[in-house]
């Protein structure tokens, strides 16, 4: 069974990469997190994309994921 999870990650360049689980390359790179989340939903409409947190919060750090 193929893993259908899709991730939105912030890149060092300041834009956002849309990646499938266990992929080596991004499926798409977009300038805003909102656009990347929309693209992730297009690529995998049956699952919720996981979004990398881009700021520190009391309950987590940037290496944690949230569902969009």
C-alpha atoms as a PDB file:
ATOM      1  CA  UNK A   1       0.000   0.000   0.000  1.00  0.00           C
ATOM      2  CA  UNK A   2       1.361   3.399  -0.974  1.00  0.00           C
ATOM      3  CA  UNK A   3       1.833   6.039   1.733  1.00  0.00           C
ATOM      4  CA  UNK A   4      -0.476   8.930   0.800  1.00  0.00           C
ATOM      5  CA  UNK A   5       0.782  11.450   3.381  1.00  0.00           C
ATOM      6  CA  UNK A   6       1.878  14.824   2.023  1.00  0.00           C
ATOM      7  CA  UNK A   7       4.077  17.283   3.919  1.00  0.00           C
ATOM      8  CA  UNK A   8       4.537  21.047   3.638  1.00  0.00           C
ATOM      9  CA  UNK A   9       8.013  22.145   4.729  1.00  0.00           C
ATOM     10  CA  UNK A  10       9.584  25.580   4.917  1.00  0.00           C
ATOM     11  CA  UNK A  11      12.825  25.802   2.966  1.00  0.00           C
ATOM     12  CA  UNK A  12      15.889  27.889   3.822  1.00  0.00           C
ATOM     13  CA  UNK A  13      15.045  30.113   0.843  1.00  0.00           C
ATOM     14  CA  UNK A  14      11.807  31.155   2.612  1.00  0.00           C
ATOM     15  CA  UNK A  15       9.399  29.342   0.312  1.00  0.00           C
ATOM     16  CA  UNK A  16       7.530  26.081   0.945  1.00  0.00           C
ATOM     17  CA  UNK A  17       8.078  22.605  -0.462  1.00  0.00           C
ATOM     18  CA  UNK A  18       5.274  20.079  -0.922  1.00  0.00           C
ATOM     19  CA  UNK A  19       6.618  16.549  -0.498  1.00  0.00           C
ATOM     20  CA  UNK A  20       5.180  13.071  -0.371  1.00  0.00           C
ATOM     21  CA  UNK A  21       6.274  10.802   2.461  1.00  0.00           C
ATOM     22  CA  UNK A  22       9.703   9.226   1.891  1.00  0.00           C
ATOM     23  CA  UNK A  23      10.350  11.261  -1.273  1.00  0.00           C
ATOM     24  CA  UNK A  24      13.763  12.544  -2.286  1.00  0.00           C
ATOM     25  CA  UNK A  25      12.457  15.582  -4.183  1.00  0.00           C
ATOM     26  CA  UNK A  26       9.655  18.054  -3.654  1.00  0.00           C
ATOM     27  CA  UNK A  27       6.510  17.631  -5.733  1.00  0.00           C
ATOM     28  CA  UNK A  28       6.172  21.413  -5.903  1.00  0.00           C
ATOM     29  CA  UNK A  29       7.688  24.568  -4.391  1.00  0.00           C
ATOM     30  CA  UNK A  30       5.442  27.565  -3.708  1.00  0.00           C
ATOM     31  CA  UNK A  31       6.023  31.050  -2.276  1.00  0.00           C
ATOM     32  CA  UNK A  32       3.474  30.888   0.575  1.00  0.00           C
ATOM     33  CA  UNK A  33       2.419  28.305   3.118  1.00  0.00           C
ATOM     34  CA  UNK A  34      -1.235  28.766   2.137  1.00  0.00           C
ATOM     35  CA  UNK A  35      -0.485  28.017  -1.520  1.00  0.00           C
ATOM     36  CA  UNK A  36       1.577  24.982  -0.531  1.00  0.00           C
ATOM     37  CA  UNK A  37      -1.242  23.612   1.649  1.00  0.00           C
ATOM     38  CA  UNK A  38      -3.731  24.052  -1.204  1.00  0.00           C
ATOM     39  CA  UNK A  39      -1.378  22.233  -3.585  1.00  0.00           C
ATOM     40  CA  UNK A  40      -0.871  19.420  -1.064  1.00  0.00           C
ATOM     41  CA  UNK A  41      -4.655  18.994  -0.853  1.00  0.00           C
ATOM     42  CA  UNK A  42      -4.822  18.798  -4.666  1.00  0.00           C
ATOM     43  CA  UNK A  43      -2.109  16.126  -4.750  1.00  0.00           C
ATOM     44  CA  UNK A  44      -3.716  14.009  -2.032  1.00  0.00           C
ATOM     45  CA  UNK A  45      -7.401  14.912  -1.566  1.00  0.00           C
ATOM     46  CA  UNK A  46      -8.097  11.893   0.667  1.00  0.00           C
ATOM     47  CA  UNK A  47      -5.629  12.868   3.401  1.00  0.00           C
ATOM     48  CA  UNK A  48      -4.856  15.982   5.408  1.00  0.00           C
ATOM     49  CA  UNK A  49      -1.421  17.487   4.718  1.00  0.00           C
ATOM     50  CA  UNK A  50       1.098  17.666   7.576  1.00  0.00           C
ATOM     51  CA  UNK A  51       2.502  21.187   7.948  1.00  0.00           C
ATOM     52  CA  UNK A  52       5.828  21.994   9.569  1.00  0.00           C
ATOM     53  CA  UNK A  53       5.549  24.590  12.308  1.00  0.00           C
ATOM     54  CA  UNK A  54       7.537  27.661  11.362  1.00  0.00           C
ATOM     55  CA  UNK A  55       7.655  29.330  14.773  1.00  0.00           C
ATOM     56  CA  UNK A  56       8.371  28.247  18.313  1.00  0.00           C
ATOM     57  CA  UNK A  57       5.335  27.742  20.530  1.00  0.00           C
ATOM     58  CA  UNK A  58       4.982  26.734  24.199  1.00  0.00           C
ATOM     59  CA  UNK A  59       3.791  23.270  23.143  1.00  0.00           C
ATOM     60  CA  UNK A  60       6.222  22.539  20.362  1.00  0.00           C
ATOM     61  CA  UNK A  61       9.161  23.524  18.249  1.00  0.00           C
ATOM     62  CA  UNK A  62       9.702  23.889  14.497  1.00  0.00           C
ATOM     63  CA  UNK A  63      10.423  20.184  14.123  1.00  0.00           C
ATOM     64  CA  UNK A  64       6.826  19.290  15.081  1.00  0.00           C
ATOM     65  CA  UNK A  65       3.996  18.783  12.573  1.00  0.00           C
ATOM     66  CA  UNK A  66       0.364  19.818  12.586  1.00  0.00           C
ATOM     67  CA  UNK A  67      -2.469  18.685  10.351  1.00  0.00           C
ATOM     68  CA  UNK A  68      -3.923  21.294   8.016  1.00  0.00           C
END
